[in-house]
Protein backbone atom coordinates (compact mmCIF):
# COMPACT_ATOMS: atom_id res chain seq x y z
CA UNK A 1 -9.26 49.38 12.43
CA UNK A 2 -9.47 51.16 15.73
CA UNK A 3 -8.38 54.65 16.00
CA UNK A 4 -6.33 55.96 19.13
CA UNK A 5 -7.35 59.00 21.17
CA UNK A 6 -5.77 61.22 23.76
CA UNK A 7 -5.34 59.26 27.30
CA UNK A 8 -8.47 59.85 29.04
CA UNK A 9 -8.19 61.30 32.34
CA UNK A 10 -10.72 63.06 34.38
CA UNK A 11 -10.87 66.60 32.74
CA UNK A 12 -9.78 68.85 35.31
CA UNK A 13 -7.43 71.92 34.99
CA UNK A 14 -4.71 70.09 36.62
CA UNK A 15 -5.05 66.54 34.77
CA UNK A 16 -6.72 66.95 31.58
CA UNK A 17 -4.26 66.65 28.51
CA UNK A 18 -3.53 69.89 26.73
CA UNK A 19 -3.23 70.74 22.95
CA UNK A 20 -0.74 73.51 24.09
CA UNK A 21 1.95 70.64 23.76
CA UNK A 22 4.70 71.95 26.38
CA UNK A 23 7.82 69.79 26.10
CA UNK A 24 6.65 68.57 22.80
CA UNK A 25 8.88 68.18 19.56
CA UNK A 26 6.15 67.42 17.45
CA UNK A 27 2.86 65.84 18.95
CA UNK A 28 0.42 65.65 16.00
CA UNK A 29 -2.88 64.56 17.44
CA UNK A 30 -5.71 63.37 15.49
CA UNK A 31 -9.14 62.23 17.06
CA UNK A 32 -11.31 62.29 14.06
CA UNK A 33 -14.14 64.64 13.38
CA UNK A 34 -14.64 66.47 16.39
CA UNK A 35 -18.09 67.92 16.37
CA UNK A 36 -21.24 68.70 14.17
CA UNK A 37 -21.14 72.43 14.50
CA UNK A 38 -21.34 74.82 17.63
CA UNK A 39 -24.76 76.51 18.46
CA UNK A 40 -25.03 80.13 17.27
CA UNK A 41 -25.14 81.56 20.65
CA UNK A 42 -24.55 80.28 23.87
CA UNK A 43 -24.14 81.49 27.56
CA UNK A 44 -20.80 80.82 28.87
CA UNK A 45 -18.00 78.76 26.90
CA UNK A 46 -18.91 76.37 24.13
CA UNK A 47 -17.27 73.09 24.69
CA UNK A 48 -16.79 70.77 21.80
CA UNK A 49 -17.32 66.69 22.39
CA UNK A 50 -15.31 64.43 20.18
CA UNK A 51 -13.13 61.41 19.46
CA UNK A 52 -12.50 59.13 16.53
CA UNK A 53 -14.93 59.34 13.49
CA UNK A 54 -15.18 55.68 13.03
CA UNK A 55 -13.97 52.56 15.19
CA UNK A 56 -13.74 49.30 13.42
CA UNK A 57 -13.81 46.06 15.56
CA UNK A 58 -12.23 42.66 14.63
CA UNK A 59 -15.19 40.14 13.99
CA UNK A 60 -16.28 37.90 17.08
CA UNK A 61 -13.58 34.98 16.72
CA UNK A 62 -14.41 31.20 16.13
CA UNK A 63 -12.15 30.49 19.07
CA UNK A 64 -10.58 32.72 22.00
CA UNK A 65 -11.43 35.94 23.35
CA UNK A 66 -12.62 38.87 21.06
CA UNK A 67 -10.06 41.55 20.51
CA UNK A 68 -10.59 44.91 22.07
CA UNK A 69 -10.70 48.32 20.48
CA UNK A 70 -10.37 51.52 22.32
CA UNK A 71 -12.75 54.38 21.97
CA UNK A 72 -11.52 57.52 23.47
CA UNK A 73 -13.87 60.42 24.00
CA UNK A 74 -12.32 63.89 24.24
CA UNK A 75 -13.75 67.50 25.22
CA UNK A 76 -12.36 70.64 23.62
CA UNK A 77 -12.43 74.15 25.31
CA UNK A 78 -11.17 75.97 22.20
CA UNK A 79 -11.73 79.37 23.42
CA UNK A 80 -10.04 79.10 26.58
CA UNK A 81 -6.49 80.73 27.37
CA UNK A 82 -4.63 78.67 29.79
CA UNK A 83 -2.26 81.73 30.45
CA UNK A 84 -5.11 83.67 31.35
CA UNK A 85 -6.42 81.09 33.68
CA UNK A 86 -10.17 81.19 31.94
CA UNK A 87 -10.76 77.66 31.84
CA UNK A 88 -14.21 76.50 32.59
CA UNK A 89 -14.25 75.27 36.31
CA UNK A 90 -17.69 73.78 36.77
CA UNK A 91 -19.00 70.32 37.17
CA UNK A 92 -19.87 68.22 33.95
CA UNK A 93 -21.69 65.23 33.30
CA UNK A 94 -21.21 63.43 29.98
CA UNK A 95 -23.87 60.88 28.70
CA UNK A 96 -22.98 58.21 26.08
CA UNK A 97 -25.82 56.63 24.45
CA UNK A 98 -24.97 53.10 23.44
CA UNK A 99 -28.30 51.88 22.04
CA UNK A 100 -27.14 52.38 18.53
CA UNK A 101 -24.59 49.45 19.08
CA UNK A 102 -26.73 46.84 20.85
CA UNK A 103 -26.18 43.45 19.61
CA UNK A 104 -23.26 44.78 17.66
CA UNK A 105 -20.72 45.56 20.23
CA UNK A 106 -19.91 44.89 23.78
CA UNK A 107 -18.77 48.13 25.88
CA UNK A 108 -17.00 48.34 29.08
CA UNK A 109 -15.21 51.33 30.77
CA UNK A 110 -11.61 50.92 30.14
CA UNK A 111 -9.63 49.75 33.32
CA UNK A 112 -7.20 52.18 33.18
CA UNK A 113 -9.13 55.34 31.99
CA UNK A 114 -9.11 57.02 35.45
CA UNK A 115 -12.36 58.55 34.61
CA UNK A 116 -15.62 58.58 37.10
CA UNK A 117 -17.91 56.36 34.77
CA UNK A 118 -20.58 53.80 34.97
CA UNK A 119 -22.66 51.93 32.24
CA UNK A 120 -26.15 51.12 33.07
CA UNK A 121 -27.98 49.21 30.42
CA UNK A 122 -27.55 51.06 27.25
CA UNK A 123 -26.41 54.33 28.81
CA UNK A 124 -22.65 55.31 29.94
CA UNK A 125 -22.52 58.62 32.44
CA UNK A 126 -19.16 60.14 33.61
CA UNK A 127 -18.74 62.81 35.60
CA UNK A 128 -15.72 65.49 35.69
CA UNK A 129 -15.01 68.71 37.17
CA UNK A 130 -13.33 71.53 34.88
CA UNK A 131 -12.47 71.76 31.38
CA UNK A 132 -8.97 72.99 30.81
CA UNK A 133 -7.96 75.10 27.92
CA UNK A 134 -7.58 72.96 24.78
CA UNK A 135 -8.20 69.26 24.25
CA UNK A 136 -8.75 66.99 27.29
CA UNK A 137 -9.84 63.36 27.67
CA UNK A 138 -13.23 62.23 29.24
CA UNK A 139 -12.90 58.63 29.30
CA UNK A 140 -11.50 55.49 27.38
CA UNK A 141 -13.99 52.32 26.50
CA UNK A 142 -13.10 49.07 25.46
CA UNK A 143 -15.10 47.86 22.45
CA UNK A 144 -15.51 44.16 21.12
CA UNK A 145 -17.54 42.75 18.81
CA UNK A 146 -20.73 40.94 19.84
CA UNK A 147 -21.21 37.60 19.61
CA UNK A 148 -23.39 36.75 16.32
CA UNK A 149 -22.48 40.40 15.06
CA UNK A 150 -22.29 40.41 11.23
CA UNK A 151 -19.21 41.42 9.62
CA UNK A 152 -19.96 44.90 7.85
CA UNK A 153 -22.71 45.67 10.39
CA UNK A 154 -22.49 49.04 11.78
CA UNK A 155 -24.15 51.38 14.55
CA UNK A 156 -23.81 54.74 16.11
CA UNK A 157 -22.61 56.00 19.46
CA UNK A 158 -23.87 59.43 20.57
CA UNK A 159 -22.35 61.68 23.30
CA UNK A 160 -23.83 64.74 24.94
CA UNK A 161 -22.89 66.62 28.21
CA UNK A 162 -24.37 69.10 30.54
CA UNK A 163 -22.97 71.54 32.70
CA UNK A 164 -24.38 74.83 34.42
CA UNK A 165 -22.77 77.85 32.73
CA UNK A 166 -21.45 75.70 29.68
CA UNK A 167 -22.97 74.46 26.37
CA UNK A 168 -21.69 71.35 24.77
CA UNK A 169 -21.88 70.32 21.06
CA UNK A 170 -23.00 66.53 20.70
CA UNK A 171 -20.65 64.29 18.93
CA UNK A 172 -21.31 60.78 17.17
CA UNK A 173 -18.93 58.24 16.12
CA UNK A 174 -19.65 55.23 13.99
CA UNK A 175 -18.75 51.42 14.90
CA UNK A 176 -18.34 48.98 12.50
CA UNK A 177 -17.60 45.33 12.65
CA UNK A 178 -14.63 44.35 10.20
CA UNK A 179 -12.59 46.71 7.97
CA UNK A 180 -9.32 47.10 6.05
CA UNK A 181 -6.25 47.26 8.57
CA UNK A 182 -3.41 48.99 6.35
CA UNK A 183 0.04 48.15 7.74
CA UNK A 184 2.97 50.49 6.55
CA UNK A 185 6.45 48.67 6.32
CA UNK A 186 9.40 50.21 7.70
CA UNK A 187 11.68 51.45 4.89
CA UNK A 188 15.42 50.77 5.63
CA UNK A 189 16.71 54.39 5.31
CA UNK A 190 20.16 55.72 5.78
CA UNK A 191 19.96 58.06 8.79
CA UNK A 192 23.37 59.71 8.43
CA UNK A 193 23.21 62.16 5.67
CA UNK A 194 25.12 65.16 3.90
CA UNK A 195 23.41 67.89 2.01
CA UNK A 196 22.18 66.91 -1.54
CA UNK A 197 21.82 63.23 -0.41
CA UNK A 198 18.75 61.88 -2.07
CA UNK A 199 17.46 58.21 -1.31
CA UNK A 200 14.51 56.01 -2.70
CA UNK A 201 11.62 55.84 -0.50
CA UNK A 202 9.54 52.50 -1.79
CA UNK A 203 6.53 53.03 0.23
CA UNK A 204 5.03 49.42 0.66
CA UNK A 205 1.81 48.39 3.00
CA UNK A 206 -0.44 45.40 3.70
CA UNK A 207 -4.08 45.25 4.37
CA UNK A 208 -4.29 42.78 7.08
CA UNK A 209 -7.87 43.68 7.76
CA UNK A 210 -10.97 41.70 6.89
CA UNK A 211 -12.36 43.76 3.75
CA UNK A 212 -10.79 45.54 0.87
CA UNK A 213 -9.84 49.40 1.10
CA UNK A 214 -11.79 51.48 -1.63
CA UNK A 215 -8.90 53.57 -2.41
CA UNK A 216 -5.94 54.72 -0.31
CA UNK A 217 -4.80 58.09 0.82
CA UNK A 218 -0.61 58.33 1.22
CA UNK A 219 0.36 60.88 3.68
CA UNK A 220 4.05 62.19 3.68
CA UNK A 221 4.89 64.86 6.04
CA UNK A 222 8.70 66.18 6.23
CA UNK A 223 10.49 68.60 8.22
CA UNK A 224 12.06 71.83 6.72
CA UNK A 225 15.30 70.17 5.89
CA UNK A 226 13.99 67.50 3.77
CA UNK A 227 12.61 67.57 0.20
CA UNK A 228 10.45 65.26 -1.95
CA UNK A 229 11.70 66.02 -5.62
CA UNK A 230 8.87 64.08 -7.31
CA UNK A 231 5.56 65.98 -7.92
CA UNK A 232 2.84 63.49 -9.08
CA UNK A 233 -0.58 64.51 -10.65
CA UNK A 234 -2.65 62.67 -8.37
CA UNK A 235 -0.87 64.47 -5.14
CA UNK A 236 -1.35 68.01 -3.68
CA UNK A 237 1.68 69.48 -2.07
CA UNK A 238 1.48 72.34 0.54
CA UNK A 239 3.88 75.41 0.60
CA UNK A 240 7.54 74.60 1.40
CA UNK A 241 7.95 74.06 5.14
CA UNK A 242 8.73 77.35 7.10
CA UNK A 243 7.76 79.57 4.13
CA UNK A 244 3.95 79.98 5.30
CA UNK A 245 3.53 81.56 8.70
CA UNK A 246 0.46 79.14 9.20
CA UNK A 247 2.67 76.06 8.80
CA UNK A 248 3.70 76.46 12.50
CA UNK A 249 5.92 73.65 13.00
CA UNK A 250 7.71 74.15 9.78
CA UNK A 251 6.26 70.75 8.01
CA UNK A 252 5.52 70.16 4.52
CA UNK A 253 2.74 67.64 3.56
CA UNK A 254 2.08 65.60 0.24
CA UNK A 255 -1.19 64.07 0.04
CA UNK A 256 -1.63 61.40 -2.62
CA UNK A 257 -4.91 59.71 -3.37
CA UNK A 258 -4.80 56.41 -5.45
CA UNK A 259 -7.88 54.75 -6.56
CA UNK A 260 -8.43 51.08 -6.54
CA UNK A 261 -9.53 48.04 -4.28
CA UNK A 262 -6.64 46.98 -2.17
CA UNK A 263 -7.46 43.29 -0.87
CA UNK A 264 -7.43 41.71 2.50
CA UNK A 265 -3.99 39.77 2.82
CA UNK A 266 -2.50 41.70 -0.30
CA UNK A 267 0.89 43.59 -0.24
CA UNK A 268 1.41 46.76 -2.29
CA UNK A 269 4.08 48.94 -3.23
CA UNK A 270 4.69 51.99 -5.48
CA UNK A 271 4.90 51.54 -9.13
CA UNK A 272 6.60 54.84 -9.74
CA UNK A 273 9.55 56.33 -7.84
CA UNK A 274 9.65 58.33 -4.75
CA UNK A 275 12.67 59.77 -2.88
CA UNK A 276 13.58 61.83 0.03
CA UNK A 277 16.55 64.23 -0.24
CA UNK A 278 18.56 66.32 2.44
CA UNK A 279 18.50 69.91 1.63
CA UNK A 280 21.29 72.35 1.97
CA UNK A 281 19.46 73.53 5.15
CA UNK A 282 19.05 70.05 6.68
CA UNK A 283 20.34 69.18 10.29
CA UNK A 284 17.96 66.93 12.42
CA UNK A 285 14.87 66.36 10.41
CA UNK A 286 11.73 63.73 10.46
CA UNK A 287 9.84 62.22 7.48
CA UNK A 288 6.49 60.45 8.32
CA UNK A 289 4.77 58.25 5.98
CA UNK A 290 1.14 57.25 6.42
CA UNK A 291 -1.21 55.11 4.66
CA UNK A 292 -5.34 55.23 5.11
CA UNK A 293 -8.39 54.25 3.55
CA UNK A 294 -9.31 57.42 1.10
CA UNK A 295 -11.84 59.64 1.97
CA UNK A 296 -12.82 63.29 1.14
CA UNK A 297 -13.34 64.25 4.69
CA UNK A 298 -9.72 63.38 5.73
CA UNK A 299 -7.59 65.07 3.13
CA UNK A 300 -8.11 68.74 4.68
CA UNK A 301 -7.29 67.68 8.21
CA UNK A 302 -4.32 66.07 7.24
CA UNK A 303 -2.83 69.24 5.61
CA UNK A 304 -0.59 71.52 7.41
CA UNK A 305 -2.73 74.46 7.00
CA UNK A 306 -1.06 76.16 4.28
CA UNK A 307 -1.98 76.64 0.55
CA UNK A 308 -1.37 73.54 -1.65
CA UNK A 309 -0.83 72.79 -5.29
CA UNK A 310 -1.36 69.73 -7.38
CA UNK A 311 1.71 67.78 -9.13
CA UNK A 312 2.43 68.58 -12.48
CA UNK A 313 3.87 65.02 -13.32
CA UNK A 314 2.19 61.62 -14.05
CA UNK A 315 0.11 59.88 -11.58
CA UNK A 316 1.30 57.94 -8.51
CA UNK A 317 0.55 54.40 -8.72
CA UNK A 318 0.58 51.38 -6.62
CA UNK A 319 1.19 47.44 -7.64
CA UNK A 320 0.62 44.41 -5.78
CA UNK A 321 4.04 43.01 -4.39
CA UNK A 322 5.10 39.63 -2.77
CA UNK A 323 3.89 39.33 0.80
CA UNK A 324 6.05 40.75 3.50
CA UNK A 325 6.50 39.54 7.04
CA UNK A 326 4.96 42.48 8.75
CA UNK A 327 3.31 42.90 12.19
CA UNK A 328 0.43 40.58 12.40
CA UNK A 329 -1.73 42.35 15.19
CA UNK A 330 -4.27 44.83 14.55
CA UNK A 331 -2.86 48.44 15.76
CA UNK A 332 -3.65 51.69 14.43
CA UNK A 333 -0.14 52.77 14.93
CA UNK A 334 0.85 50.19 12.06
CA UNK A 335 -0.58 52.69 9.58
CA UNK A 336 2.42 55.05 10.23
CA UNK A 337 6.13 54.89 10.01
CA UNK A 338 8.62 57.52 10.97
CA UNK A 339 12.19 58.02 9.99
CA UNK A 340 14.74 60.55 11.69
CA UNK A 341 17.79 61.94 9.68
CA UNK A 342 20.91 63.63 10.90
CA UNK A 343 22.55 65.70 8.01
CA UNK A 344 26.25 66.71 8.28
CA UNK A 345 25.82 70.51 8.31
CA UNK A 346 26.23 73.86 10.30
CA UNK A 347 24.15 76.88 11.39
CA UNK A 348 25.69 80.21 12.63
CA UNK A 349 23.86 81.73 15.52
CA UNK A 350 25.07 85.24 15.65
CA UNK A 351 24.22 87.27 18.83
CA UNK A 352 23.54 91.16 18.61
CA UNK A 353 23.35 93.75 21.26
CA UNK A 354 22.25 97.23 21.70
CA UNK A 355 23.26 101.18 22.80
CA UNK A 356 21.28 103.41 24.69
CA UNK A 357 21.69 106.29 26.70
CA UNK A 358 19.71 108.48 29.18
CA UNK A 359 19.63 110.69 32.36
CA UNK A 360 19.22 109.09 35.97
CA UNK A 361 15.36 108.06 36.21
CA UNK A 362 15.08 107.71 32.37
CA UNK A 363 13.54 104.46 31.05
CA UNK A 364 15.32 103.30 27.70
CA UNK A 365 14.33 100.22 25.63
CA UNK A 366 17.14 97.99 24.32
CA UNK A 367 16.46 95.19 21.84
CA UNK A 368 18.83 92.19 21.64
CA UNK A 369 18.94 88.81 20.20
CA UNK A 370 20.48 86.72 17.53
CA UNK A 371 20.15 85.56 13.96
CA UNK A 372 20.58 82.16 12.56
CA UNK A 373 22.85 82.80 9.61
CA UNK A 374 22.39 79.20 8.59
CA UNK A 375 22.76 77.37 6.39
CA UNK A 376 21.04 74.91 8.27
CA UNK A 377 17.67 75.17 10.15
CA UNK A 378 18.03 73.73 13.82
CA UNK A 379 14.99 71.89 15.48
CA UNK A 380 14.31 69.43 18.39
CA UNK A 381 11.30 67.99 17.01
CA UNK A 382 11.43 64.62 18.47
CA UNK A 383 12.49 65.93 21.97
CA UNK A 384 10.43 69.21 22.22
CA UNK A 385 13.36 71.00 23.98
CA UNK A 386 14.40 74.54 23.29
CA UNK A 387 16.94 74.77 20.68
CA UNK A 388 19.22 77.29 22.64
CA UNK A 389 19.11 79.73 25.34
CA UNK A 390 19.78 83.80 24.99
CA UNK A 391 21.69 84.62 28.23
CA UNK A 392 21.50 88.32 28.96
CA UNK A 393 23.43 90.23 31.65
CA UNK A 394 21.81 93.55 32.50
CA UNK A 395 24.35 96.53 32.62
CA UNK A 396 25.57 98.27 35.80
CA UNK A 397 23.47 101.10 37.02
CA UNK A 398 20.37 100.07 35.35
CA UNK A 399 17.20 97.72 36.57
CA UNK A 400 15.00 95.89 34.11
CA UNK A 401 11.45 97.28 34.53
CA UNK A 402 10.00 95.39 31.33
CA UNK A 403 10.81 92.05 30.02
CA UNK A 404 9.77 89.46 27.41
CA UNK A 405 7.40 86.91 29.00
CA UNK A 406 9.77 84.33 27.61
CA UNK A 407 12.64 85.26 29.92
CA UNK A 408 13.22 84.24 33.42
CA UNK A 409 15.00 86.58 35.98
CA UNK A 410 17.57 84.83 37.90
CA UNK A 411 20.61 85.68 40.20
CA UNK A 412 23.88 86.61 38.73
CA UNK A 413 25.23 82.97 39.00
CA UNK A 414 22.01 81.90 37.11
CA UNK A 415 20.09 80.38 40.14
CA UNK A 416 16.26 80.88 40.81
CA UNK A 417 14.93 84.34 41.78
CA UNK A 418 11.45 84.81 42.90
CA UNK A 419 11.22 88.63 41.99
CA UNK A 420 11.54 88.71 37.88
CA UNK A 421 12.14 92.58 37.44
CA UNK A 422 15.00 94.00 38.45
CA UNK A 423 17.03 90.62 38.16
CA UNK A 424 20.74 91.29 37.11
CA UNK A 425 20.24 88.41 34.51
CA UNK A 426 17.78 86.84 32.17
CA UNK A 427 17.61 83.44 30.59
CA UNK A 428 15.29 83.17 27.55
CA UNK A 429 14.84 80.01 25.68
CA UNK A 430 14.12 79.51 22.25
CA UNK A 431 11.30 77.53 20.84
CA UNK A 432 11.79 73.95 19.56
CA UNK A 433 12.92 75.26 16.12
CA UNK A 434 14.81 78.07 14.61
CA UNK A 435 14.68 78.56 11.09
CA UNK A 436 17.50 79.29 8.64
CA UNK A 437 17.39 82.97 8.28
CA UNK A 438 15.56 83.66 11.48
CA UNK A 439 16.30 86.92 13.35
CA UNK A 440 14.86 86.65 16.89
CA UNK A 441 14.86 89.89 19.03
CA UNK A 442 13.71 90.54 22.52
CA UNK A 443 12.76 94.04 23.95
CA UNK A 444 14.06 94.90 27.55
CA UNK A 445 13.04 98.26 29.16
CA UNK A 446 15.79 99.49 31.57
CA UNK A 447 15.51 102.21 34.07
CA UNK A 448 18.63 104.18 34.59
CA UNK A 449 19.32 104.18 38.36
CA UNK A 450 22.64 105.62 37.98
CA UNK A 451 24.60 107.07 35.04
CA UNK A 452 27.53 104.84 34.71
CA UNK A 453 29.69 105.87 31.45
CA UNK A 454 30.05 102.90 29.08
CA UNK A 455 27.99 100.59 31.36
CA UNK A 456 28.11 97.29 29.69
CA UNK A 457 26.02 94.12 29.87
CA UNK A 458 26.46 90.76 27.75
CA UNK A 459 24.09 88.91 25.29
CA UNK A 460 24.90 85.17 24.61
CA UNK A 461 23.32 82.90 22.74
CA UNK A 462 24.24 79.11 23.97
CA UNK A 463 23.33 75.75 24.83
CA UNK A 464 20.42 75.34 27.17
CA UNK A 465 22.65 73.64 29.49
CA UNK A 466 25.05 76.25 31.22
CA UNK A 467 27.60 73.44 31.89
CA UNK A 468 28.01 73.05 28.24
CA UNK A 469 27.47 76.19 26.55
CA UNK A 470 28.91 75.36 23.16
CA UNK A 471 26.30 75.15 20.15
CA UNK A 472 27.02 71.72 18.65
CA UNK A 473 26.00 73.00 15.31
CA UNK A 474 27.77 76.33 15.39
CA UNK A 475 31.34 76.34 14.42
CA UNK A 476 31.80 80.18 14.68
CA UNK A 477 31.81 80.63 18.66
CA UNK A 478 33.36 84.15 18.12
CA UNK A 479 29.72 85.86 17.24
CA UNK A 480 27.67 84.19 20.03
CA UNK A 481 28.30 87.02 22.29
CA UNK A 482 27.60 90.64 21.96
CA UNK A 483 27.25 93.60 24.17
CA UNK A 484 24.53 95.98 25.66
CA UNK A 485 25.98 99.34 26.38
CA UNK A 486 24.37 102.20 28.14
CA UNK A 487 25.63 106.02 27.91
CA UNK A 488 28.44 105.19 25.73
CA UNK A 489 31.26 107.60 25.78
CA UNK A 490 32.06 107.03 22.01
CA UNK A 491 31.83 104.64 19.03
CA UNK A 492 35.20 103.00 19.74
CA UNK A 493 35.72 99.28 19.22
CA UNK A 494 33.10 97.05 20.89
CA UNK A 495 30.43 99.40 21.26
CA UNK A 496 27.01 97.49 21.20
CA UNK A 497 28.69 94.54 20.04
CA UNK A 498 30.94 91.58 20.94
CA UNK A 499 33.38 90.45 18.39
CA UNK A 500 31.73 91.88 15.34
CA UNK A 501 29.00 93.94 14.04
CA UNK A 502 25.78 92.55 15.95
CA UNK A 503 23.44 95.18 14.60
CA UNK A 504 22.72 96.44 17.69
CA UNK A 505 20.51 99.42 18.71
CA UNK A 506 22.58 102.69 18.87
CA UNK A 507 22.01 105.50 21.03
CA UNK A 508 20.65 107.68 18.49
CA UNK A 509 17.95 105.27 17.62
CA UNK A 510 19.24 103.83 14.29
CA UNK A 511 19.40 100.08 13.92
CA UNK A 512 22.50 98.44 12.27
CA UNK A 513 22.62 95.36 9.95
CA UNK A 514 19.11 93.95 9.36
CA UNK A 515 17.61 93.74 12.99
CA UNK A 516 13.99 94.31 12.96
CA UNK A 517 13.30 97.67 14.39
CA UNK A 518 14.70 100.74 15.87
CA UNK A 519 15.11 101.89 19.42
CA UNK A 520 15.50 105.38 20.54
CA UNK A 521 17.33 106.63 23.95
CA UNK A 522 13.76 107.32 25.52
CA UNK A 523 12.65 103.71 24.71
CA UNK A 524 10.44 104.15 21.84
CA UNK A 525 10.25 101.50 19.13
CA UNK A 526 10.24 101.98 15.34
CA UNK A 527 7.42 100.47 13.33
CA UNK A 528 9.13 97.24 13.07
CA UNK A 529 10.16 96.46 16.37
CA UNK A 530 8.41 93.94 18.72
CA UNK A 531 5.07 94.72 20.10
CA UNK A 532 6.01 95.46 23.79
CA UNK A 533 8.29 94.58 26.64
CA UNK A 534 6.54 91.42 27.17
CA UNK A 535 6.76 90.35 23.36
CA UNK A 536 9.17 89.21 21.06
CA UNK A 537 10.06 90.14 17.73
CA UNK A 538 11.65 88.84 14.54
CA UNK A 539 11.72 89.26 10.73
CA UNK A 540 9.23 87.32 8.71
CA UNK A 541 11.67 84.80 7.66
CA UNK A 542 11.75 83.64 11.31
CA UNK A 543 8.22 82.57 11.24
CA UNK A 544 6.89 80.81 14.39
CA UNK A 545 10.11 79.03 14.84
CA UNK A 546 11.64 82.42 15.96
CA UNK A 547 9.46 82.84 18.62
CA UNK A 548 11.06 82.52 22.11
CA UNK A 549 9.13 80.01 24.27
CA UNK A 550 8.78 80.22 28.08
CA UNK A 551 11.70 79.09 29.97
CA UNK A 552 11.63 75.23 30.35
CA UNK A 553 8.87 74.94 28.05
CA UNK A 554 8.47 74.00 24.41
CA UNK A 555 7.26 76.61 21.62
CA UNK A 556 3.86 77.88 21.89
CA UNK A 557 3.47 77.57 18.50
CA UNK A 558 3.27 73.67 18.95
CA UNK A 559 -0.41 74.29 19.83
CA UNK A 560 -1.07 75.75 16.40
CA UNK A 561 0.85 72.51 14.75
CA UNK A 562 -1.21 70.04 16.79
CA UNK A 563 -4.38 71.77 15.83
CA UNK A 564 -3.46 72.14 12.29
CA UNK A 565 -2.70 68.27 12.23
CA UNK A 566 -6.17 66.96 13.29
CA UNK A 567 -6.72 63.80 11.47
CA UNK A 568 -10.01 62.13 10.33
CA UNK A 569 -9.87 58.83 12.10
CA UNK A 570 -6.05 58.45 12.41
CA UNK A 571 -3.11 59.58 14.38
CA UNK A 572 -0.07 61.30 13.50
CA UNK A 573 2.49 61.02 16.31
CA UNK A 574 5.86 62.40 16.90
CA UNK A 575 6.90 61.09 20.25
CA UNK A 576 7.95 63.62 22.71
CA UNK A 577 9.38 63.92 26.18
CA UNK A 578 9.35 66.87 28.70
CA UNK A 579 12.53 68.07 29.93
CA UNK A 580 13.18 67.10 33.49
CA UNK A 581 14.26 70.62 34.40
CA UNK A 582 16.96 73.06 33.60
CA UNK A 583 20.56 72.36 34.36
């Protein structure tokens, strides 16, 4: 069975695929074992070569053309920071030693790879310029079983790289003729749910390969609003989605290892119940179910990164079932299926403002933001778009001298503005997830150029499209707006708030409600406040879902999710698209 890899392109800073995952709902990329360890010391960056741990080929057919498998080679620049512009810029040469598969596989450069590669004899050489931060493609190769190659025969392809000023870790991948091809059946789920709904998930798969699978590994990934109530003894379950800060994309994972021999042509289904339920915080959620041949090396890579516990119930078992009419072609994507659910639920996004006072020429700090009062968590896992926008209008007489990096300065009418400091208005997009209970705060530094008593600005949490500002999941629009007040003359109605208590920062430095941190009139922040005008703050319950992303992009936390979901020899893919632009 062939494992896909990132689309191969010349690995330049402008074109290489990146692990930063901008515009991603959920891309969980797996390309197998990426390296055998980096050198202890090296001059310049250490770049990691990688690809699938193993590639299986269909045996050479008795008639017709042999079926192609794709081997995608990658290079990773793990220490570079795209935002800092420290990607490696030198020329690189990649050498692919094919001698280990001579007589076993025929290898050709894929037509649409876009890479500068040439094969001479048993060696392929590829050239590229620059290695961007994160994971990028080198080239794609088409592999077919050689005529006369025996089923079960295997060999190794070895990859090395050289570049002035950089060190490459080598990479090896195994190529085998024949193997299992586990094809997951799509389950007929009901997609429109209510909190508390539970439905069965009778996982069923067929081995359409040429040999039996020696044990299988069932992977279940489900987003924060879903739950799997059963806990089987041969499954390990990680922390509840969103409760561990390392679980960057609010996923829970169950890994179930089931022993046995799973024969070619046979179909198997669960011998015990399995179900998926919508919790009280469900809204838009995804359930992913995948089957692979078992292997100890795969299990850590399939986890979401948090702690895990073994189930206390009986063992999960599989039994033979009547053969089903499943897809007949050999595709790695058949190992996995996904289901999206929408649950009839709501979330209350409540804005909070701030108060501060100072003399002409003083700089004060105001922390503003919003809380998700629940009950639902809100996510755009599939599209990768921000959940909402925090729209901040600056009070009269003040000028912004420090802002969060996640906020874009615009004109009063909301149009593009080149100069980012001193803008009359700021738009700050959220990440692709906002957890229930999240408290998302943003700090602005304001210089008072003119003392205007009760100078008032606004903080509104709204839809990302200004033409349709209402949040479709939020029935309480009255608390979506709060006020920023400079030099208040009293504590009358509306000071520091909109239509209710927003927990805004007072002129004396105290913070109402449960806003994280306190801010004084001179602009000093309390110990729980955010880490600077360029940062964001939020309560621990917000997790990474509470961080505001750069305007027009997806959450930076998507990078951590993609890295944490590296699989050994498979792919977890949540389809994503990038926004065409702001409205």
